[in-house]
C-alpha cells in the first residue's frame, strides 16, 4: 500500500551501510512519484517500500538496499533514465570477489526489474547484458558405507535428538535451514513405520523447495522419546550449534575426515542416485530449483554413484 501524502512527510530514509563505512542517505521528507527522472536514491526509497510491502525478511531488504547504496554513491544524482550499462559494469567491477559481484548483480537486476516491469517507468534495463560469473561447485565428498553406519550408531548412542539430526541430514537430505525450521507438527506419525515429513517455506520465493519425504520407524521411535509439543521446534538452537553438535558426533564415531551438514546432504544425493533416481528426481527430492547450476550438482551425484570402472592390467 502506498502511503498517503500526509503520512509520507514524516518518513526519512534510514542509514545504509556501504562497504567499509556507513554513509547517510539524504532525507526525503516528501518523496516524489517514481519516474524516469527520479534519482537512484529516490527510487531506492520506493523499492524498499515495495520489498517491505511484499513481506520480504528485513535482512533481504537490507541486503538489496545496501548494494544499491553502493551504486548510488557511484552515479550520484544521475536520473534513472541516464544510468547505462557502463555504469553497471563499473559498479560490478568495484567488487573484489566474484561472490560479491554476483550478489551485486542480483540486487541491481531485481531493482531494475521493479523499475521496468512493475512500475513501467523505464523501457530499457541497463543490467540485461550482464550475466552472473560462474562460481565453481565444490566437489562432493560423500561418506563411505561403513562411515555412515558408524555415524548413525554414534548418534543413536548419544541420544534421540542427536539421532534425529543425523537421520534428517544423512537419510533424508535436509539442509541446515530445514533442520532448524522443523517442528513436530510437520511430521505425520499416523503410520509409525512410515512417517511422512512435510517440508514447507513461509517465503513464497522458496516454495519450489517444498516437498514430502517418507521416513521409517527409526525416526518415529526417536521422536517419541523426545516428547515434543506440536508447535515445538525440534532444534531450537542457532545454526552454529548444529555444526558443533555434528562435529562432536563425528569425533564420537571415530571418523577422521571433516563432516558438515552439506557433506551429509551430498552423501544422501549420491545414495539416491545409486538407487536409481535420475536428474529430475534428484532435484525434486532435494528441493532444488531446475536451474543449470543445480543440474550440474545432481549430475555430479549421478557420476559418483556409477559403478567403479574396471582397470585392465597390461601385465601377463
Foldseek 3Di string as FASTA:
>chain_A
DDDDQVVQQPDFDDWACEPPGTDRDDGDRGQDPDAQQFFLSSLLVVVLVVCVVLPHDPVVSNLLSNLSVLLCVVPPRGGNNPDALVSLVVSLVVDPDLVVSQSSLVSLVVSVCCVCVVVNRDPDRRSVVDDRDDDDDDQFDADDPVLLVLLLVLQVVVALLSNLLLCCLQVQLDALVQLQQDFQLQWACPPLQWIKGWRADPDPVLRLLTDIDIDGNSNSVSVVVVPHDRGDRSDNDDSVVSQVSSVVSSVSSVHPDDDGSVSSSLNNLLVVLLVPDDQVRSCNSNSHDPDPVSSVSSVSSNVVSDDDDDDDDPDD
